[in-house]
Amino acid sequence: MDQVLSLITIFLVLALSWSCIYGYNMNDFPKDFAFGSAISAYQYKEDVKLMAETGLDNFRISISWSRLIPNGRGIVNPKGQQFYKNLIQELVTNGVLEYIKQNYGNPPVYVLENGRPMKQDSQLEDTSRIEFLDAYIGAVLKAVRNGSNTRGYFLWSIMDLFELLRGYETCFGLYYVNFSDPYLKKSPKLSAQWYSAFLKGNNTTFLGSKGIKQLQSKSNFSSSSS
């Protein structure tokens, strides 16, 4: 269902927007428009803190029913139930609103799991991802202004993780994850800084190599989070 919804949204955006809008920021969107991110891996307190640092106000949760009901029916696993209670409480504590995947309807339309795959390595200057996000979000804004009932945009994904089709070969994350590190050390890519600046209301239109240098010089991110 998510894939169909995403395809419909992409078609709608492209049909209404042959060129992206330049010079936009988050304040150009309706006040109730939901921006956020999503992930399917385990979430820890440190990861929720990282989300808050990035500026995420919304987080799309994917419910793992095998964790809640291991046998497919019958008694709910209390440990699985407690996991989601703890996660939601941690999100609330950090001021991040949870969106449960199963609650979405159409209309309205939400853009889910939109992102740019790239080779999973320690290269943090993912400029092509910034170009993609800038063009796509700009096209969403133009579609909204043209009457689209798009209500939210959830980027995939907040950090690198195992992808179903390509494993760890390519990843979508805004944060690089060192999977060979037992502590899974995380480092912000340039796209994390771009999206964070956008969420905090700054004008983050991609401006080529000059814009990247400005973004790097203004970055206030810690070098890593673990």
Protein backbone atom coordinates (compact mmCIF):
# COMPACT_ATOMS: atom_id res chain seq x y z
CA MET A 1 0.00 0.00 0.00
CA ASP A 2 2.85 2.36 0.87
CA GLN A 3 4.51 1.72 -2.50
CA VAL A 4 1.28 2.47 -4.37
CA LEU A 5 0.74 5.63 -2.31
CA SER A 6 4.31 6.77 -2.98
CA LEU A 7 3.92 6.17 -6.74
CA ILE A 8 0.67 8.13 -6.79
CA THR A 9 2.30 10.96 -4.88
CA ILE A 10 5.33 11.06 -7.16
CA PHE A 11 3.06 11.17 -10.24
CA LEU A 12 1.00 13.94 -8.66
CA VAL A 13 4.07 15.97 -7.78
CA LEU A 14 5.61 15.61 -11.23
CA ALA A 15 2.33 16.33 -13.02
CA LEU A 16 1.83 19.57 -11.14
CA SER A 17 5.47 20.62 -10.97
CA TRP A 18 7.73 20.61 -14.03
CA SER A 19 10.31 22.71 -12.22
CA CYS A 20 11.15 22.99 -8.55
CA ILE A 21 10.79 26.15 -6.48
CA TYR A 22 13.96 27.93 -5.51
CA GLY A 23 14.56 30.02 -2.41
CA TYR A 24 11.97 28.21 -0.28
CA ASN A 25 12.10 27.19 3.36
CA MET A 26 9.94 25.28 5.81
CA ASN A 27 7.88 28.36 6.64
CA ASP A 28 6.52 28.39 3.07
CA PHE A 29 4.52 25.23 3.80
CA PRO A 30 1.12 25.20 5.58
CA LYS A 31 1.41 25.36 9.37
CA ASP A 32 -0.05 21.86 9.80
CA PHE A 33 2.26 20.27 7.20
CA ALA A 34 4.18 17.43 8.84
CA PHE A 35 7.89 17.08 8.13
CA GLY A 36 9.81 14.20 9.60
CA SER A 37 11.74 11.02 8.91
CA ALA A 38 11.40 7.28 9.30
CA ILE A 39 13.41 4.16 9.98
CA SER A 40 12.76 0.45 10.39
CA ALA A 41 15.71 -0.54 12.58
CA TYR A 42 15.85 -0.67 16.36
CA GLN A 43 15.64 2.74 17.99
CA TYR A 44 17.58 3.57 21.12
CA LYS A 45 17.58 6.57 23.45
CA GLU A 46 20.72 7.89 21.75
CA ASP A 47 19.01 7.67 18.36
CA VAL A 48 15.96 9.61 19.57
CA LYS A 49 18.29 12.27 20.95
CA LEU A 50 19.94 12.44 17.53
CA MET A 51 16.52 12.94 15.91
CA ALA A 52 15.77 15.83 18.27
CA GLU A 53 19.18 17.37 17.54
CA THR A 54 18.45 17.19 13.82
CA GLY A 55 15.22 19.13 14.39
CA LEU A 56 12.69 16.37 13.68
CA ASP A 57 9.24 17.16 15.08
CA ASN A 58 7.68 14.01 13.62
CA PHE A 59 8.83 10.41 13.34
CA ARG A 60 7.09 7.65 11.36
CA ILE A 61 7.10 4.36 13.28
CA SER A 62 6.83 1.01 11.52
CA ILE A 63 5.18 -1.54 13.81
CA SER A 64 6.85 -4.96 13.77
CA TRP A 65 3.97 -7.32 14.43
CA SER A 66 6.36 -10.26 14.82
CA ARG A 67 7.79 -8.45 17.83
CA LEU A 68 4.34 -7.87 19.34
CA ILE A 69 2.74 -11.22 18.40
CA PRO A 70 5.59 -13.70 17.63
CA ASN A 71 3.24 -16.57 16.76
CA GLY A 72 1.05 -14.49 14.45
CA ARG A 73 -1.96 -14.76 16.77
CA GLY A 74 -2.79 -15.10 20.43
CA ILE A 75 -1.11 -13.46 23.40
CA VAL A 76 0.79 -10.20 22.94
CA ASN A 77 4.49 -10.36 23.81
CA PRO A 78 4.87 -8.10 26.88
CA LYS A 79 8.51 -7.33 26.04
CA GLY A 80 7.55 -6.18 22.54
CA GLN A 81 4.72 -4.08 23.94
CA GLN A 82 7.08 -2.50 26.46
CA PHE A 83 9.60 -1.74 23.71
CA TYR A 84 7.11 0.45 21.84
CA LYS A 85 5.88 2.06 25.05
CA ASN A 86 9.47 3.00 25.91
CA LEU A 87 10.16 4.26 22.39
CA ILE A 88 7.04 6.45 22.28
CA GLN A 89 7.78 7.80 25.75
CA GLU A 90 11.33 8.67 24.67
CA LEU A 91 9.99 10.46 21.58
CA VAL A 92 7.49 12.43 23.67
CA THR A 93 10.20 13.33 26.19
CA ASN A 94 12.30 14.76 23.36
CA GLY A 95 9.38 16.61 21.75
CA VAL A 96 9.06 14.31 18.72
CA LEU A 97 5.52 13.35 17.61
CA GLU A 98 5.12 9.72 16.60
CA TYR A 99 3.20 8.76 13.47
CA ILE A 100 2.04 5.15 13.45
CA LYS A 101 2.30 3.71 9.96
CA GLN A 102 -0.98 1.81 10.13
CA ASN A 103 -2.98 5.01 10.81
CA TYR A 104 -2.42 6.68 7.44
CA GLY A 105 -5.33 7.17 5.07
CA ASN A 106 -5.84 8.68 1.64
CA PRO A 107 -6.92 11.43 1.45
CA PRO A 108 -5.01 13.24 2.71
CA VAL A 109 -1.75 12.24 1.01
CA TYR A 110 1.54 11.75 2.86
CA VAL A 111 4.82 11.28 1.03
CA LEU A 112 6.39 8.29 2.78
CA GLU A 113 9.90 6.86 2.63
CA ASN A 114 11.28 9.26 0.04
CA GLY A 115 15.04 9.39 -0.31
CA ARG A 116 18.14 8.96 -2.45
CA PRO A 117 20.18 5.73 -2.26
CA MET A 118 23.95 6.03 -2.34
CA LYS A 119 26.89 3.72 -1.73
CA GLN A 120 27.33 2.99 1.96
CA ASP A 121 30.77 4.30 2.89
CA SER A 122 32.35 6.90 5.15
CA GLN A 123 32.02 9.67 2.53
CA LEU A 124 29.92 12.31 4.27
CA GLU A 125 29.56 14.87 1.46
CA ASP A 126 26.46 13.36 -0.18
CA THR A 127 25.79 16.32 -2.47
CA SER A 128 23.64 14.37 -4.95
CA ARG A 129 21.28 13.46 -2.10
CA ILE A 130 20.95 17.16 -1.21
CA GLU A 131 20.18 17.99 -4.85
CA PHE A 132 17.52 15.28 -4.93
CA LEU A 133 15.87 16.36 -1.67
CA ASP A 134 15.96 20.04 -2.62
CA ALA A 135 14.28 19.37 -5.98
CA TYR A 136 11.70 16.94 -4.57
CA ILE A 137 10.63 19.05 -1.57
CA GLY A 138 10.48 22.11 -3.82
CA ALA A 139 8.19 20.18 -6.19
CA VAL A 140 5.99 19.12 -3.25
CA LEU A 141 5.66 22.78 -2.21
CA LYS A 142 4.62 23.76 -5.72
CA ALA A 143 2.08 20.92 -5.82
CA VAL A 144 0.61 22.06 -2.49
CA ARG A 145 0.29 25.61 -3.80
CA ASN A 146 -1.47 24.22 -6.87
CA GLY A 147 -4.10 22.49 -4.74
CA SER A 148 -2.59 19.09 -3.92
CA ASN A 149 -3.90 17.66 -0.62
CA THR A 150 -0.40 16.55 0.39
CA ARG A 151 -0.16 16.89 4.18
CA GLY A 152 3.27 15.59 5.07
CA TYR A 153 6.72 14.50 3.92
CA PHE A 154 8.71 11.77 5.66
CA LEU A 155 12.28 11.31 4.50
CA TRP A 156 13.88 7.86 4.29
CA SER A 157 15.90 7.44 6.35
CA ILE A 158 17.32 9.19 9.39
CA MET A 159 20.36 6.88 9.40
CA ASP A 160 21.96 4.08 7.39
CA LEU A 161 20.43 0.65 7.93
CA PHE A 162 20.06 -2.76 6.30
CA GLU A 163 17.98 -2.39 3.12
CA LEU A 164 15.81 -5.32 2.07
CA LEU A 165 17.03 -5.60 -1.54
CA ARG A 166 20.67 -4.45 -1.31
CA GLY A 167 21.66 -5.06 2.27
CA TYR A 168 24.38 -2.65 3.33
CA GLU A 169 25.63 -2.00 -0.22
CA THR A 170 23.58 1.17 -0.64
CA CYS A 171 21.88 3.24 2.05
CA PHE A 172 19.53 6.21 2.31
CA GLY A 173 20.62 7.58 5.69
CA LEU A 174 21.29 11.18 6.65
CA TYR A 175 23.68 9.78 9.22
CA TYR A 176 26.50 7.40 8.35
CA VAL A 177 26.60 4.30 10.57
CA ASN A 178 29.87 2.44 11.02
CA PHE A 179 28.55 -1.13 11.05
CA SER A 180 31.98 -2.55 11.87
CA ASP A 181 32.00 -0.58 15.13
CA PRO A 182 30.45 -2.56 18.01
CA TYR A 183 28.92 0.73 19.24
CA LEU A 184 27.55 1.56 15.74
CA LYS A 185 29.13 5.01 15.75
CA LYS A 186 27.08 7.56 13.77
CA SER A 187 28.33 10.62 11.88
CA PRO A 188 26.16 13.32 10.21
CA LYS A 189 26.40 13.56 6.45
CA LEU A 190 26.07 16.91 4.68
CA SER A 191 22.44 16.01 3.93
CA ALA A 192 21.75 15.75 7.68
CA GLN A 193 22.99 19.30 8.11
CA TRP A 194 20.91 20.45 5.12
CA TYR A 195 17.68 18.83 6.34
CA SER A 196 18.26 20.03 9.89
CA ALA A 197 18.73 23.62 8.70
CA PHE A 198 15.56 23.30 6.62
CA LEU A 199 13.53 21.95 9.56
CA LYS A 200 14.73 24.83 11.71
CA GLY A 201 13.41 27.37 9.20
CA ASN A 202 16.60 28.36 7.41
CA ASN A 203 16.83 28.91 3.65
CA THR A 204 18.69 25.81 2.50
CA THR A 205 18.36 25.90 -1.27
CA PHE A 206 21.24 23.98 -2.83
CA LEU A 207 23.76 26.44 -4.29
CA GLY A 208 26.42 24.23 -5.83
CA SER A 209 29.95 23.97 -4.46
CA LYS A 210 29.77 27.46 -2.94
CA GLY A 211 26.60 26.54 -1.07
CA ILE A 212 28.18 23.33 0.23
CA LYS A 213 31.16 25.23 1.65
CA GLN A 214 28.78 27.68 3.35
CA LEU A 215 26.82 24.79 4.79
CA GLN A 216 29.97 23.15 6.10
CA SER A 217 31.22 26.37 7.71
CA LYS A 218 27.86 26.99 9.43
CA SER A 219 27.48 23.44 10.69
CA ASN A 220 27.00 23.15 14.46
CA PHE A 221 26.65 19.37 14.50
CA SER A 222 28.77 17.24 16.74
CA SER A 223 31.18 15.14 14.71
CA SER A 224 29.47 11.92 15.77
CA SER A 225 26.87 10.36 17.97
CA SER A 226 27.03 6.92 19.48
